[in-house]
Amino acid sequence: MRVDNLEALELLHEWQGGGYLMPDGYETRLRSQGRRPSLVKLQMYAEYTPGLTFVHEKAHVGNPLNEAADSPAKLGVRCVGCVRGMVPTAEIPRLVPLWASGALAEYRRGKG
């Protein structure tokens, strides 16, 4: 797994060694309907998946697949102050430039 955040990489390595450290303020109790929190599930994968490796990847801004992967996070951050958790439609092209411009589709055609 390639990770461009050194703090996240440190946590992943901690979890591989059996550690249970979580980011400050992260709530680990069960979610609605008894679901485990996402980072608790990731911690378990890191600890119990043999052969799983984590490497640092320098931030790769401009890489179409990385930009697409970052887009949901950008939407989520933008959504913090939104009414009813909805991102205004007018904001989506600015937050997801690859999808709005069609660059991701062009990238896929070129790789296809």
C-alpha atoms as a PDB file:
ATOM      1  CA  MET A   1       0.000   0.000   0.000  1.00  0.00           C
ATOM      2  CA  ARG A   2       1.383   3.393  -0.965  1.00  0.00           C
ATOM      3  CA  VAL A   3       0.850   6.172   1.557  1.00  0.00           C
ATOM      4  CA  ASP A   4       1.753   9.838   1.079  1.00  0.00           C
ATOM      5  CA  ASN A   5       1.132  10.847   4.707  1.00  0.00           C
ATOM      6  CA  LEU A   6       4.000  10.085   7.080  1.00  0.00           C
ATOM      7  CA  GLU A   7       1.785  10.171  10.192  1.00  0.00           C
ATOM      8  CA  ALA A   8      -0.577   7.633   8.638  1.00  0.00           C
ATOM      9  CA  LEU A   9       2.390   5.486   7.617  1.00  0.00           C
ATOM     10  CA  GLU A  10       3.670   5.539  11.196  1.00  0.00           C
ATOM     11  CA  LEU A  11       0.254   4.384  12.470  1.00  0.00           C
ATOM     12  CA  LEU A  12       0.102   1.578   9.912  1.00  0.00           C
ATOM     13  CA  HIS A  13       3.525   0.299  10.963  1.00  0.00           C
ATOM     14  CA  GLU A  14       2.463   0.549  14.618  1.00  0.00           C
ATOM     15  CA  TRP A  15      -0.613  -1.542  13.857  1.00  0.00           C
ATOM     16  CA  GLN A  16       1.422  -4.156  11.990  1.00  0.00           C
ATOM     17  CA  GLY A  17       3.373  -4.676  15.197  1.00  0.00           C
ATOM     18  CA  GLY A  18       0.190  -5.248  17.192  1.00  0.00           C
ATOM     19  CA  GLY A  19      -0.263  -1.685  18.447  1.00  0.00           C
ATOM     20  CA  TYR A  20      -3.643  -0.068  18.959  1.00  0.00           C
ATOM     21  CA  LEU A  21      -2.749   3.631  18.836  1.00  0.00           C
ATOM     22  CA  MET A  22      -5.369   5.777  17.082  1.00  0.00           C
ATOM     23  CA  PRO A  23      -5.323   9.438  15.990  1.00  0.00           C
ATOM     24  CA  ASP A  24      -6.132  11.886  18.776  1.00  0.00           C
ATOM     25  CA  GLY A  25      -9.873  12.208  19.229  1.00  0.00           C
ATOM     26  CA  TYR A  26     -10.782   9.168  17.105  1.00  0.00           C
ATOM     27  CA  GLU A  27     -13.694   7.353  18.700  1.00  0.00           C
ATOM     28  CA  THR A  28     -13.291   3.559  18.639  1.00  0.00           C
ATOM     29  CA  ARG A  29     -16.633   2.438  20.046  1.00  0.00           C
ATOM     30  CA  LEU A  30     -19.034   0.594  17.756  1.00  0.00           C
ATOM     31  CA  ARG A  31     -21.025   2.627  15.255  1.00  0.00           C
ATOM     32  CA  SER A  32     -24.728   2.324  14.513  1.00  0.00           C
ATOM     33  CA  GLN A  33     -25.984  -1.215  13.986  1.00  0.00           C
ATOM     34  CA  GLY A  34     -22.875  -2.563  15.744  1.00  0.00           C
ATOM     35  CA  ARG A  35     -20.449  -1.730  12.920  1.00  0.00           C
ATOM     36  CA  ARG A  36     -16.752  -1.382  13.702  1.00  0.00           C
ATOM     37  CA  PRO A  37     -15.144   2.007  13.029  1.00  0.00           C
ATOM     38  CA  SER A  38     -13.185   2.147   9.762  1.00  0.00           C
ATOM     39  CA  LEU A  39      -9.795   2.712  11.378  1.00  0.00           C
ATOM     40  CA  VAL A  40     -10.352  -0.209  13.763  1.00  0.00           C
ATOM     41  CA  LYS A  41     -11.007  -2.437  10.727  1.00  0.00           C
ATOM     42  CA  LEU A  42      -7.889  -1.057   9.014  1.00  0.00           C
ATOM     43  CA  GLN A  43      -5.863  -1.712  12.171  1.00  0.00           C
ATOM     44  CA  MET A  44      -7.011  -5.337  12.111  1.00  0.00           C
ATOM     45  CA  TYR A  45      -6.107  -5.710   8.405  1.00  0.00           C
ATOM     46  CA  ALA A  46      -2.675  -4.228   9.038  1.00  0.00           C
ATOM     47  CA  GLU A  47      -2.016  -6.550  11.973  1.00  0.00           C
ATOM     48  CA  TYR A  48      -3.446  -9.776  10.580  1.00  0.00           C
ATOM     49  CA  THR A  49      -2.671  -9.658   6.845  1.00  0.00           C
ATOM     50  CA  PRO A  50       0.624 -11.414   6.162  1.00  0.00           C
ATOM     51  CA  GLY A  51       2.725  -9.913   3.406  1.00  0.00           C
ATOM     52  CA  LEU A  52       0.964  -6.541   3.501  1.00  0.00           C
ATOM     53  CA  THR A  53       3.521  -3.766   3.121  1.00  0.00           C
ATOM     54  CA  PHE A  54       3.284  -0.021   3.499  1.00  0.00           C
ATOM     55  CA  VAL A  55       5.650   2.339   1.712  1.00  0.00           C
ATOM     56  CA  HIS A  56       5.960   6.095   1.615  1.00  0.00           C
ATOM     57  CA  GLU A  57       4.998   7.666  -1.701  1.00  0.00           C
ATOM     58  CA  LYS A  58       5.880  11.323  -2.064  1.00  0.00           C
ATOM     59  CA  ALA A  59       2.702  13.329  -2.659  1.00  0.00           C
ATOM     60  CA  HIS A  60       1.802  12.921  -6.290  1.00  0.00           C
ATOM     61  CA  VAL A  61      -0.322  15.938  -7.092  1.00  0.00           C
ATOM     62  CA  GLY A  62      -1.374  15.937 -10.703  1.00  0.00           C
ATOM     63  CA  ASN A  63      -1.548  12.143 -11.019  1.00  0.00           C
ATOM     64  CA  PRO A  64      -5.132  11.539 -12.251  1.00  0.00           C
ATOM     65  CA  LEU A  65      -5.732   8.465 -10.096  1.00  0.00           C
ATOM     66  CA  ASN A  66      -4.420  10.204  -6.978  1.00  0.00           C
ATOM     67  CA  GLU A  67      -6.547  13.272  -7.673  1.00  0.00           C
ATOM     68  CA  ALA A  68      -9.629  11.057  -8.073  1.00  0.00           C
ATOM     69  CA  ALA A  69      -8.832   9.262  -4.823  1.00  0.00           C
ATOM     70  CA  ASP A  70      -8.410  12.589  -3.002  1.00  0.00           C
ATOM     71  CA  SER A  71     -11.692  14.011  -4.298  1.00  0.00           C
ATOM     72  CA  PRO A  72     -13.994  12.312  -1.750  1.00  0.00           C
ATOM     73  CA  ALA A  73     -11.816  13.670   1.047  1.00  0.00           C
ATOM     74  CA  LYS A  74     -12.026  17.167  -0.409  1.00  0.00           C
ATOM     75  CA  LEU A  75     -15.806  16.832  -0.617  1.00  0.00           C
ATOM     76  CA  GLY A  76     -15.964  15.587   2.954  1.00  0.00           C
ATOM     77  CA  VAL A  77     -13.914  18.472   4.301  1.00  0.00           C
ATOM     78  CA  ARG A  78     -16.024  20.945   2.344  1.00  0.00           C
ATOM     79  CA  CYS A  79     -19.170  19.278   3.695  1.00  0.00           C
ATOM     80  CA  VAL A  80     -18.347  19.993   7.355  1.00  0.00           C
ATOM     81  CA  GLY A  81     -20.096  23.361   7.185  1.00  0.00           C
ATOM     82  CA  CYS A  82     -22.797  22.350   4.705  1.00  0.00           C
ATOM     83  CA  VAL A  83     -26.512  22.387   5.333  1.00  0.00           C
ATOM     84  CA  ARG A  84     -27.711  18.809   5.930  1.00  0.00           C
ATOM     85  CA  GLY A  85     -24.275  17.502   4.949  1.00  0.00           C
ATOM     86  CA  MET A  86     -24.780  18.259   1.271  1.00  0.00           C
ATOM     87  CA  VAL A  87     -22.138  19.834  -0.942  1.00  0.00           C
ATOM     88  CA  PRO A  88     -23.700  22.586  -3.074  1.00  0.00           C
ATOM     89  CA  THR A  89     -23.874  21.460  -6.698  1.00  0.00           C
ATOM     90  CA  ALA A  90     -22.045  24.589  -7.809  1.00  0.00           C
ATOM     91  CA  GLU A  91     -19.016  23.559  -5.681  1.00  0.00           C
ATOM     92  CA  ILE A  92     -18.532  20.115  -7.208  1.00  0.00           C
ATOM     93  CA  PRO A  93     -16.646  21.177 -10.391  1.00  0.00           C
ATOM     94  CA  ARG A  94     -14.182  23.161  -8.293  1.00  0.00           C
ATOM     95  CA  LEU A  95     -13.643  20.310  -5.837  1.00  0.00           C
ATOM     96  CA  VAL A  96     -13.526  17.516  -8.387  1.00  0.00           C
ATOM     97  CA  PRO A  97     -11.745  19.088 -11.346  1.00  0.00           C
ATOM     98  CA  LEU A  98     -10.788  15.795 -12.998  1.00  0.00           C
ATOM     99  CA  TRP A  99     -14.325  14.492 -13.146  1.00  0.00           C
ATOM    100  CA  ALA A 100     -15.718  17.879 -14.137  1.00  0.00           C
ATOM    101  CA  SER A 101     -13.158  18.357 -16.907  1.00  0.00           C
ATOM    102  CA  GLY A 102     -13.239  14.793 -18.176  1.00  0.00           C
ATOM    103  CA  ALA A 103      -9.491  14.365 -17.562  1.00  0.00           C
ATOM    104  CA  LEU A 104     -10.040  11.100 -15.703  1.00  0.00           C
ATOM    105  CA  ALA A 105     -11.953   9.646 -18.658  1.00  0.00           C
ATOM    106  CA  GLU A 106      -9.159  10.753 -20.987  1.00  0.00           C
ATOM    107  CA  TYR A 107      -6.593   9.130 -18.716  1.00  0.00           C
ATOM    108  CA  ARG A 108      -8.576   5.863 -18.707  1.00  0.00           C
ATOM    109  CA  ARG A 109      -8.859   5.874 -22.525  1.00  0.00           C
ATOM    110  CA  GLY A 110      -5.098   6.317 -22.819  1.00  0.00           C
ATOM    111  CA  LYS A 111      -4.409   3.418 -20.409  1.00  0.00           C
ATOM    112  CA  GLY A 112      -7.143   1.168 -21.819  1.00  0.00           C
END
